[in-house]
Every structure is written in C-alpha cells, then in structure tokens.
Amino acid sequence: MTQLFQYKPLKDIDLKELFFDSLRLDYAGFDAWYKQKADEGRKAFVFYGQQGLLAFVFLKSEINERIEDVEPPLEPCRRLKVGTLKIEAHQTNLGERALKIIFDQALLYSFEEIYLTSFPKHTPLIKLLGTYGFKQIGRKGGELVLAKS
C-alpha cells in the first residue's frame, strides 16, 4: 500500500528530528523561522517512513507581490513559493510525489508561477526540477532561483 503525504500543522512536527539538521546548517535562524511559522498556525506537507520524517514541503502564496530579494527582482503575479522542500529520497519516487503536491496546489489555487531557491550543491534536486520544466531565472545570495510557469 502506498503511503501518503500528510498536511500537518508545523507545531505538530517535531523540530528536533535529525531530518532538519541540514536545513539548520544551510540557514542560520532556521529554528526561529520555523517556530514563527508554527506560531502563525502554518502547515506543511510531510511524509513519514520507518526511519522517521522523509519529506517536508512548505508552501507560501505570494500574490501580486514584487519579489525584491532576488536578482533580478520578480514582477508581481499569482506566485506560489516553495519555501522549504527537503526530501530524503534514496532511490524512491518521493521527489516526484512532492512535486505533484506542489503542482496540484498551484493548479487548485490558480497560481501563474511556482518558484523556489536552491543551493547549487543540490544537483539531484536541480536536475529533477529541470526535468519538470523549472528554469533558473535569477539568484538570491548564494542560491539559484528556479521557476516554472
């Protein structure tokens, strides 16, 4: 039987999971950001396996906002930001399943564009995103900005 992603409040997801360690290393202030979003009542799509948390997808709508913190800035539109996407795939289709959730949300809420940032070191993720039509449209600090209409 196929396991399903769950849509859970951040407050119900254990931030102490080892799964989040790499995010802490890459993003100073990750725990503070997470706690702020949890206090706001935000939710994320998560997938658990026998080893614990294996996938985390946090989405944010940015409707008619000009995105100034990327170069070049992104002009306003109905945009879905993938705020956090982390997958412990290891020869599974978990990445594709996470992307399906993102695409389903974009279609359900009539977003014009999906975007995310990724460090260049995440080559398997960047390759997967490219397979599904994401293209690099800019940079945000040391990260690539990838988008799909």
C-alpha atoms as a PDB file:
ATOM      1  CA  MET A   1       0.000   0.000   0.000  1.00  0.00           C
ATOM      2  CA  THR A   2       1.300   3.453  -0.929  1.00  0.00           C
ATOM      3  CA  GLN A   3       1.885   5.789   1.981  1.00  0.00           C
ATOM      4  CA  LEU A   4       0.504   9.289   1.659  1.00  0.00           C
ATOM      5  CA  PHE A   5       1.764  12.743   2.434  1.00  0.00           C
ATOM      6  CA  GLN A   6       0.027  14.383   5.373  1.00  0.00           C
ATOM      7  CA  TYR A   7      -0.826  18.079   5.713  1.00  0.00           C
ATOM      8  CA  LYS A   8       0.121  18.875   9.291  1.00  0.00           C
ATOM      9  CA  PRO A   9       0.445  21.970  11.456  1.00  0.00           C
ATOM     10  CA  LEU A  10       4.118  22.830  11.970  1.00  0.00           C
ATOM     11  CA  LYS A  11       3.532  22.734  15.730  1.00  0.00           C
ATOM     12  CA  ASP A  12       2.754  19.007  15.378  1.00  0.00           C
ATOM     13  CA  ILE A  13       6.000  18.219  13.522  1.00  0.00           C
ATOM     14  CA  ASP A  14       8.983  17.519  15.774  1.00  0.00           C
ATOM     15  CA  LEU A  15      11.611  20.157  15.004  1.00  0.00           C
ATOM     16  CA  LYS A  16      14.175  18.031  16.875  1.00  0.00           C
ATOM     17  CA  GLU A  17      14.094  15.384  14.114  1.00  0.00           C
ATOM     18  CA  LEU A  18      17.552  14.781  12.623  1.00  0.00           C
ATOM     19  CA  PHE A  19      15.887  15.414   9.264  1.00  0.00           C
ATOM     20  CA  PHE A  20      16.072  19.170   9.926  1.00  0.00           C
ATOM     21  CA  ASP A  21      19.830  19.246  10.746  1.00  0.00           C
ATOM     22  CA  SER A  22      20.939  20.011   7.182  1.00  0.00           C
ATOM     23  CA  LEU A  23      18.455  22.903   6.996  1.00  0.00           C
ATOM     24  CA  ARG A  24      19.923  24.293  10.217  1.00  0.00           C
ATOM     25  CA  LEU A  25      23.410  24.095   8.678  1.00  0.00           C
ATOM     26  CA  ASP A  26      22.357  25.862   5.471  1.00  0.00           C
ATOM     27  CA  TYR A  27      20.081  28.502   7.011  1.00  0.00           C
ATOM     28  CA  ALA A  28      21.091  30.474  10.079  1.00  0.00           C
ATOM     29  CA  GLY A  29      17.951  31.098  12.100  1.00  0.00           C
ATOM     30  CA  PHE A  30      16.044  28.108  10.712  1.00  0.00           C
ATOM     31  CA  ASP A  31      14.653  27.146  14.125  1.00  0.00           C
ATOM     32  CA  ALA A  32      13.455  30.710  14.817  1.00  0.00           C
ATOM     33  CA  TRP A  33      11.821  30.879  11.369  1.00  0.00           C
ATOM     34  CA  TYR A  34      10.145  27.510  11.927  1.00  0.00           C
ATOM     35  CA  LYS A  35       8.837  28.489  15.372  1.00  0.00           C
ATOM     36  CA  GLN A  36       7.471  31.769  13.995  1.00  0.00           C
ATOM     37  CA  LYS A  37       5.620  29.944  11.219  1.00  0.00           C
ATOM     38  CA  ALA A  38       4.326  27.366  13.731  1.00  0.00           C
ATOM     39  CA  ASP A  39       3.042  30.175  15.976  1.00  0.00           C
ATOM     40  CA  GLU A  40       1.236  31.618  12.935  1.00  0.00           C
ATOM     41  CA  GLY A  41      -0.596  28.287  12.570  1.00  0.00           C
ATOM     42  CA  ARG A  42       1.110  27.387   9.283  1.00  0.00           C
ATOM     43  CA  LYS A  43       1.126  23.835   7.913  1.00  0.00           C
ATOM     44  CA  ALA A  44       3.373  21.716   5.726  1.00  0.00           C
ATOM     45  CA  PHE A  45       3.065  18.547   3.686  1.00  0.00           C
ATOM     46  CA  VAL A  46       5.112  15.788   5.317  1.00  0.00           C
ATOM     47  CA  PHE A  47       5.901  12.181   4.591  1.00  0.00           C
ATOM     48  CA  TYR A  48       6.997   9.683   7.242  1.00  0.00           C
ATOM     49  CA  GLY A  49       8.695   6.353   6.697  1.00  0.00           C
ATOM     50  CA  GLN A  50      10.033   3.730   9.086  1.00  0.00           C
ATOM     51  CA  GLN A  51      13.096   5.929   9.677  1.00  0.00           C
ATOM     52  CA  GLY A  52      11.001   8.973  10.591  1.00  0.00           C
ATOM     53  CA  LEU A  53      10.422  12.145   8.587  1.00  0.00           C
ATOM     54  CA  LEU A  54      11.467  11.701   4.938  1.00  0.00           C
ATOM     55  CA  ALA A  55       9.909  14.692   3.149  1.00  0.00           C
ATOM     56  CA  PHE A  56       8.850  18.224   4.062  1.00  0.00           C
ATOM     57  CA  VAL A  57       7.123  20.696   1.705  1.00  0.00           C
ATOM     58  CA  PHE A  58       6.284  24.192   2.965  1.00  0.00           C
ATOM     59  CA  LEU A  59       4.368  26.416   0.543  1.00  0.00           C
ATOM     60  CA  LYS A  60       3.559  30.121   0.641  1.00  0.00           C
ATOM     61  CA  SER A  61       1.389  32.225  -1.637  1.00  0.00           C
ATOM     62  CA  GLU A  62       2.881  35.490  -2.858  1.00  0.00           C
ATOM     63  CA  ILE A  63       0.012  37.050  -4.758  1.00  0.00           C
ATOM     64  CA  ASN A  64       0.790  40.229  -6.661  1.00  0.00           C
ATOM     65  CA  GLU A  65       3.969  40.847  -4.657  1.00  0.00           C
ATOM     66  CA  ARG A  66       7.138  42.133  -6.279  1.00  0.00           C
ATOM     67  CA  ILE A  67       9.930  39.896  -5.009  1.00  0.00           C
ATOM     68  CA  GLU A  68      12.821  42.251  -4.277  1.00  0.00           C
ATOM     69  CA  ASP A  69      15.258  39.896  -2.533  1.00  0.00           C
ATOM     70  CA  VAL A  70      16.235  38.098  -5.748  1.00  0.00           C
ATOM     71  CA  GLU A  71      18.331  39.351  -8.667  1.00  0.00           C
ATOM     72  CA  PRO A  72      16.704  40.298 -10.936  1.00  0.00           C
ATOM     73  CA  PRO A  73      13.547  41.117  -8.907  1.00  0.00           C
ATOM     74  CA  LEU A  74      10.412  39.165  -9.816  1.00  0.00           C
ATOM     75  CA  GLU A  75       7.485  41.200 -11.074  1.00  0.00           C
ATOM     76  CA  PRO A  76       4.088  40.709  -9.393  1.00  0.00           C
ATOM     77  CA  CYS A  77       1.873  37.779 -10.369  1.00  0.00           C
ATOM     78  CA  ARG A  78      -0.041  34.952  -8.672  1.00  0.00           C
ATOM     79  CA  ARG A  79       3.032  33.123  -7.409  1.00  0.00           C
ATOM     80  CA  LEU A  80       3.465  30.019  -5.262  1.00  0.00           C
ATOM     81  CA  LYS A  81       6.717  29.967  -3.336  1.00  0.00           C
ATOM     82  CA  VAL A  82       8.159  26.649  -2.271  1.00  0.00           C
ATOM     83  CA  GLY A  83       9.580  27.974   0.995  1.00  0.00           C
ATOM     84  CA  THR A  84      11.104  24.676   2.059  1.00  0.00           C
ATOM     85  CA  LEU A  85      11.471  21.465   0.087  1.00  0.00           C
ATOM     86  CA  LYS A  86      13.540  18.697   1.593  1.00  0.00           C
ATOM     87  CA  ILE A  87      13.389  15.064   0.601  1.00  0.00           C
ATOM     88  CA  GLU A  88      15.323  12.032   1.781  1.00  0.00           C
ATOM     89  CA  ALA A  89      14.555  10.117  -1.394  1.00  0.00           C
ATOM     90  CA  HIS A  90      17.289   7.469  -1.735  1.00  0.00           C
ATOM     91  CA  GLN A  91      16.171   5.719  -4.922  1.00  0.00           C
ATOM     92  CA  THR A  92      12.448   6.339  -4.417  1.00  0.00           C
ATOM     93  CA  ASN A  93       9.879   8.426  -6.261  1.00  0.00           C
ATOM     94  CA  LEU A  94       9.433  10.721  -3.252  1.00  0.00           C
ATOM     95  CA  GLY A  95      10.758  13.736  -5.175  1.00  0.00           C
ATOM     96  CA  GLU A  96       8.201  13.261  -7.930  1.00  0.00           C
ATOM     97  CA  ARG A  97       5.443  12.793  -5.360  1.00  0.00           C
ATOM     98  CA  ALA A  98       6.445  16.029  -3.606  1.00  0.00           C
ATOM     99  CA  LEU A  99       6.425  17.874  -6.936  1.00  0.00           C
ATOM    100  CA  LYS A 100       2.946  16.508  -7.674  1.00  0.00           C
ATOM    101  CA  ILE A 101       1.703  18.056  -4.427  1.00  0.00           C
ATOM    102  CA  ILE A 102       3.262  21.380  -5.412  1.00  0.00           C
ATOM    103  CA  PHE A 103       1.752  21.244  -8.920  1.00  0.00           C
ATOM    104  CA  ASP A 104      -1.655  20.216  -7.548  1.00  0.00           C
ATOM    105  CA  GLN A 105      -1.665  23.199  -5.165  1.00  0.00           C
ATOM    106  CA  ALA A 106      -0.593  25.550  -7.967  1.00  0.00           C
ATOM    107  CA  LEU A 107      -3.435  24.341 -10.189  1.00  0.00           C
ATOM    108  CA  LEU A 108      -6.028  24.241  -7.398  1.00  0.00           C
ATOM    109  CA  TYR A 109      -5.374  27.874  -6.438  1.00  0.00           C
ATOM    110  CA  SER A 110      -4.700  29.166  -9.978  1.00  0.00           C
ATOM    111  CA  PHE A 111      -1.112  30.271  -9.468  1.00  0.00           C
ATOM    112  CA  GLU A 112       0.684  31.591 -12.544  1.00  0.00           C
ATOM    113  CA  GLU A 113       4.177  30.648 -11.403  1.00  0.00           C
ATOM    114  CA  ILE A 114       5.955  28.393  -8.923  1.00  0.00           C
ATOM    115  CA  TYR A 115       9.397  29.308  -7.639  1.00  0.00           C
ATOM    116  CA  LEU A 116      11.984  28.203  -5.141  1.00  0.00           C
ATOM    117  CA  THR A 117      15.600  28.717  -4.268  1.00  0.00           C
ATOM    118  CA  SER A 118      18.284  26.044  -4.099  1.00  0.00           C
ATOM    119  CA  PHE A 119      21.955  25.975  -3.335  1.00  0.00           C
ATOM    120  CA  PRO A 120      23.934  24.847  -6.420  1.00  0.00           C
ATOM    121  CA  LYS A 121      25.254  21.852  -4.418  1.00  0.00           C
ATOM    122  CA  HIS A 122      21.796  20.216  -4.572  1.00  0.00           C
ATOM    123  CA  THR A 123      22.390  18.898  -8.083  1.00  0.00           C
ATOM    124  CA  PRO A 124      19.938  15.940  -7.907  1.00  0.00           C
ATOM    125  CA  LEU A 125      17.127  18.304  -6.890  1.00  0.00           C
ATOM    126  CA  ILE A 126      18.037  20.842  -9.567  1.00  0.00           C
ATOM    127  CA  LYS A 127      18.131  18.083 -12.184  1.00  0.00           C
ATOM    128  CA  LEU A 128      14.723  16.776 -11.055  1.00  0.00           C
ATOM    129  CA  LEU A 129      13.246  20.277 -11.179  1.00  0.00           C
ATOM    130  CA  GLY A 130      14.668  20.785 -14.679  1.00  0.00           C
ATOM    131  CA  THR A 131      13.014  17.568 -15.806  1.00  0.00           C
ATOM    132  CA  TYR A 132       9.680  19.106 -14.785  1.00  0.00           C
ATOM    133  CA  GLY A 133      10.247  22.428 -16.537  1.00  0.00           C
ATOM    134  CA  PHE A 134      11.883  24.609 -13.877  1.00  0.00           C
ATOM    135  CA  LYS A 135      14.459  27.054 -15.203  1.00  0.00           C
ATOM    136  CA  GLN A 136      16.949  29.265 -13.421  1.00  0.00           C
ATOM    137  CA  ILE A 137      15.646  32.844 -13.535  1.00  0.00           C
ATOM    138  CA  GLY A 138      17.968  34.540 -11.066  1.00  0.00           C
ATOM    139  CA  ARG A 139      19.924  34.362  -7.846  1.00  0.00           C
ATOM    140  CA  LYS A 140      19.286  35.081  -4.198  1.00  0.00           C
ATOM    141  CA  GLY A 141      22.606  35.439  -2.454  1.00  0.00           C
ATOM    142  CA  GLY A 142      24.392  32.128  -2.934  1.00  0.00           C
ATOM    143  CA  GLU A 143      21.251  30.346  -4.080  1.00  0.00           C
ATOM    144  CA  LEU A 144      19.761  29.782  -7.522  1.00  0.00           C
ATOM    145  CA  VAL A 145      16.210  30.962  -8.152  1.00  0.00           C
ATOM    146  CA  LEU A 146      14.270  28.375 -10.172  1.00  0.00           C
ATOM    147  CA  ALA A 147      10.765  28.922 -11.558  1.00  0.00           C
ATOM    148  CA  LYS A 148       8.099  27.307 -13.686  1.00  0.00           C
ATOM    149  CA  SER A 149       5.059  28.946 -15.273  1.00  0.00           C
END
